[in-house]
Amino acid sequence: VTSAQKLWDRWSALNRHTILVRNAADVAHFQNVRTPGPAIDLPASGTIVGFFGAIDSWFDVELIRHAATERPDYCFALIGAVYDAPVERLQELPNVRFFGHQPYEALPAWLERFHACIIPFKINVVTQATDPVKFYEYLAQAKPVVATRLPELEIYREILYLADGPDEFLRLLDAAVSERDPQLRDRRLAVAGENTWTARY
């Protein structure tokens, strides 16, 4: 069983029974925003750009530093444990906030506060075969998503923003936070409904 096209291409040549099963999400969980939610220390007003997941070697620190420096009015909320990533370059910026690991039960309430979501991964041998679960979780609330050009996300290019390089990432981030397209929102929710764990099963 493989979770990305690149992995299937590699291993199916050795075993004709190899199947491709991409990731998915517990969409119902992420659509169930508990009220009241957790105490979230985020600006009451202003634009919030959010990420949740492991912050590891594949997390492009310099990409986010560029975006945060160029857009000081955006608050970058980063949720997740920090592993092998030089985040000191981000911690010195006043509009980048680290919230550490958060309970799975609390993530829908965090997600609700985000105006746009990001997947700022470096393109390397690992991420070329990565189908990020967080993408499907973001879609559960129809959030606009800005990501680096991960091969596994190409099939969804009509409902998210795929960037090549820091300048395009910034331009697309601006487009994402100002997006007001109800049809695009409906399409994202439809795709989320097609990518549940039940559907995968």
Protein backbone atom coordinates (compact mmCIF):
# COMPACT_ATOMS: atom_id res chain seq x y z
CA VAL A 1 0.00 0.00 0.00
CA THR A 2 1.44 3.36 -1.03
CA SER A 3 0.25 6.87 -0.14
CA ALA A 4 1.65 8.90 -3.06
CA GLN A 5 1.93 8.55 -6.81
CA LYS A 6 5.73 8.63 -6.73
CA LEU A 7 5.79 5.71 -4.30
CA TRP A 8 3.32 3.75 -6.43
CA ASP A 9 5.41 4.38 -9.55
CA ARG A 10 8.44 2.99 -7.78
CA TRP A 11 6.98 -0.07 -6.08
CA SER A 12 4.30 -1.20 -8.52
CA ALA A 13 7.04 -2.29 -10.90
CA LEU A 14 8.06 -4.86 -8.30
CA ASN A 15 4.60 -5.99 -7.21
CA ARG A 16 1.54 -5.87 -9.44
CA HIS A 17 -0.71 -5.88 -6.37
CA THR A 18 0.58 -2.49 -5.19
CA ILE A 19 -2.23 -0.01 -4.60
CA LEU A 20 -2.34 3.75 -4.15
CA VAL A 21 -4.33 5.01 -1.15
CA ARG A 22 -3.81 8.70 -0.57
CA ASN A 23 -4.32 10.38 2.77
CA ALA A 24 -7.63 11.81 3.92
CA ALA A 25 -9.17 13.51 6.96
CA ASP A 26 -11.79 13.14 9.64
CA VAL A 27 -13.81 15.88 7.96
CA ALA A 28 -16.71 15.68 10.43
CA HIS A 29 -14.29 16.30 13.30
CA PHE A 30 -12.89 19.45 11.69
CA GLN A 31 -16.35 20.76 10.88
CA ASN A 32 -17.47 20.35 14.49
CA VAL A 33 -16.17 23.53 16.08
CA ARG A 34 -16.82 23.21 19.79
CA THR A 35 -18.25 26.30 21.48
CA PRO A 36 -16.69 27.71 23.49
CA GLY A 37 -13.38 26.75 21.95
CA PRO A 38 -9.99 26.79 23.67
CA ALA A 39 -8.49 30.07 24.81
CA ILE A 40 -6.64 31.18 21.69
CA ASP A 41 -4.12 33.96 22.14
CA LEU A 42 -4.46 35.49 18.70
CA PRO A 43 -5.25 39.02 17.55
CA ALA A 44 -8.97 39.77 17.71
CA SER A 45 -8.64 41.66 14.45
CA GLY A 46 -6.26 41.39 11.54
CA THR A 47 -5.28 38.62 9.21
CA ILE A 48 -4.28 35.25 10.64
CA VAL A 49 -2.29 32.83 8.51
CA GLY A 50 -2.26 29.38 10.09
CA PHE A 51 -0.35 26.11 10.02
CA PHE A 52 -0.60 22.98 12.09
CA GLY A 53 1.64 19.94 11.98
CA ALA A 54 5.19 18.93 12.77
CA ILE A 55 7.75 21.68 12.21
CA ASP A 56 10.68 19.64 11.01
CA SER A 57 13.49 19.72 8.46
CA TRP A 58 11.04 19.94 5.55
CA PHE A 59 9.43 23.14 6.93
CA ASP A 60 10.75 26.08 4.89
CA VAL A 61 11.73 28.55 7.60
CA GLU A 62 13.19 31.07 5.16
CA LEU A 63 10.01 31.08 3.08
CA ILE A 64 7.92 32.00 6.12
CA ARG A 65 10.49 34.52 7.29
CA HIS A 66 10.25 36.26 3.92
CA ALA A 67 6.45 36.30 4.01
CA ALA A 68 6.27 37.49 7.63
CA THR A 69 8.83 40.24 7.02
CA GLU A 70 7.04 41.50 3.94
CA ARG A 71 3.60 41.32 5.56
CA PRO A 72 3.98 42.59 9.14
CA ASP A 73 0.20 43.04 9.35
CA TYR A 74 -0.33 39.27 8.97
CA CYS A 75 -0.09 37.12 12.10
CA PHE A 76 1.51 33.74 11.35
CA ALA A 77 0.17 31.18 13.84
CA LEU A 78 2.29 28.01 13.85
CA ILE A 79 0.88 25.06 15.76
CA GLY A 80 2.89 21.90 16.31
CA ALA A 81 5.98 20.48 17.92
CA VAL A 82 9.31 21.82 16.67
CA TYR A 83 11.90 19.24 15.70
CA ASP A 84 14.76 19.74 13.24
CA ALA A 85 14.00 23.26 12.01
CA PRO A 86 15.96 26.46 12.74
CA VAL A 87 12.97 28.39 14.07
CA GLU A 88 15.12 30.95 15.89
CA ARG A 89 14.98 32.99 12.67
CA LEU A 90 11.20 33.14 13.07
CA GLN A 91 10.96 33.55 16.83
CA GLU A 92 12.58 36.97 16.58
CA LEU A 93 9.71 38.26 14.41
CA PRO A 94 6.82 39.87 16.32
CA ASN A 95 4.13 38.61 13.92
CA VAL A 96 5.16 34.93 14.04
CA ARG A 97 3.68 33.03 16.97
CA PHE A 98 4.49 29.47 18.06
CA PHE A 99 1.80 27.62 20.01
CA GLY A 100 3.45 24.21 20.31
CA HIS A 101 1.59 20.93 20.21
CA GLN A 102 -2.17 21.30 20.62
CA PRO A 103 -4.76 18.59 21.35
CA TYR A 104 -6.44 17.12 18.28
CA GLU A 105 -9.80 18.03 19.80
CA ALA A 106 -8.83 21.72 19.78
CA LEU A 107 -7.67 21.97 16.17
CA PRO A 108 -11.09 22.75 14.61
CA ALA A 109 -11.42 25.86 16.78
CA TRP A 110 -7.93 26.99 15.79
CA LEU A 111 -8.70 26.35 12.15
CA GLU A 112 -11.85 28.45 12.36
CA ARG A 113 -9.74 31.50 13.24
CA PHE A 114 -7.43 31.19 10.24
CA HIS A 115 -8.08 33.44 7.24
CA ALA A 116 -5.72 31.33 5.14
CA CYS A 117 -3.75 28.14 5.72
CA ILE A 118 -0.24 27.29 4.57
CA ILE A 119 1.81 24.23 3.71
CA PRO A 120 5.32 25.73 3.43
CA PHE A 121 7.32 22.62 2.68
CA LYS A 122 10.67 22.46 0.95
CA ILE A 123 10.63 20.43 -2.26
CA ASN A 124 12.93 17.47 -1.69
CA VAL A 125 13.01 13.69 -1.96
CA VAL A 126 10.71 13.33 1.07
CA THR A 127 8.09 15.92 0.19
CA GLN A 128 7.93 14.85 -3.46
CA ALA A 129 6.22 11.74 -2.09
CA THR A 130 4.19 13.47 0.60
CA ASP A 131 0.41 13.75 0.54
CA PRO A 132 -0.18 16.10 3.49
CA VAL A 133 -3.07 15.14 5.75
CA LYS A 134 -3.38 18.78 6.85
CA PHE A 135 -4.51 19.76 3.34
CA TYR A 136 -7.66 17.65 3.67
CA GLU A 137 -8.19 18.92 7.21
CA TYR A 138 -7.95 22.53 6.01
CA LEU A 139 -10.50 21.76 3.29
CA ALA A 140 -13.01 20.58 5.88
CA GLN A 141 -13.67 24.24 6.66
CA ALA A 142 -13.15 25.33 3.03
CA LYS A 143 -10.11 27.37 3.96
CA PRO A 144 -7.95 28.84 1.17
CA VAL A 145 -4.63 27.01 1.18
CA VAL A 146 -1.28 28.29 -0.07
CA ALA A 147 1.36 25.61 -0.56
CA THR A 148 4.66 25.07 -2.26
CA ARG A 149 4.32 23.01 -5.41
CA LEU A 150 4.13 19.54 -3.90
CA PRO A 151 3.52 16.94 -6.64
CA GLU A 152 0.69 15.28 -4.71
CA LEU A 153 -1.25 18.56 -4.54
CA GLU A 154 -1.14 19.20 -8.29
CA ILE A 155 -4.40 17.33 -8.81
CA TYR A 156 -6.12 19.91 -6.58
CA ARG A 157 -4.56 22.97 -8.23
CA GLU A 158 -7.97 24.43 -9.09
CA ILE A 159 -8.98 24.78 -5.44
CA LEU A 160 -5.71 25.84 -3.79
CA TYR A 161 -2.77 28.13 -4.48
CA LEU A 162 0.50 26.47 -5.53
CA ALA A 163 3.59 28.65 -5.42
CA ASP A 164 7.00 28.48 -7.03
CA GLY A 165 9.37 30.56 -4.93
CA PRO A 166 9.03 33.18 -2.16
CA ASP A 167 7.67 36.03 -4.27
CA GLU A 168 4.88 33.95 -5.77
CA PHE A 169 4.10 32.46 -2.35
CA LEU A 170 3.63 35.99 -1.02
CA ARG A 171 1.47 37.07 -3.97
CA LEU A 172 -0.74 34.01 -3.63
CA LEU A 173 -0.99 34.49 0.11
CA ASP A 174 -2.39 37.97 -0.52
CA ALA A 175 -4.88 36.48 -2.96
CA ALA A 176 -5.89 33.78 -0.48
CA VAL A 177 -6.61 36.10 2.45
CA SER A 178 -8.67 38.43 0.26
CA GLU A 179 -10.60 35.63 -1.45
CA ARG A 180 -14.38 36.04 -1.46
CA ASP A 181 -15.60 33.34 -3.86
CA PRO A 182 -18.53 31.28 -2.51
CA GLN A 183 -18.33 28.84 -5.45
CA LEU A 184 -14.71 28.07 -4.63
CA ARG A 185 -15.71 27.48 -1.04
CA ASP A 186 -18.42 25.04 -2.14
CA ARG A 187 -15.95 23.17 -4.34
CA ARG A 188 -13.52 22.80 -1.46
CA LEU A 189 -16.23 21.39 0.79
CA ALA A 190 -17.22 18.95 -1.95
CA VAL A 191 -13.62 17.77 -2.31
CA ALA A 192 -13.33 17.45 1.46
CA GLY A 193 -16.41 15.22 1.44
CA GLU A 194 -14.77 12.98 -1.15
CA ASN A 195 -11.58 12.62 0.90
CA THR A 196 -12.73 11.27 4.24
CA TRP A 197 -11.22 8.18 5.85
CA THR A 198 -14.54 6.44 5.30
CA ALA A 199 -14.33 7.14 1.58
CA ARG A 200 -10.76 5.81 1.54
CA TYR A 201 -11.87 2.63 3.29
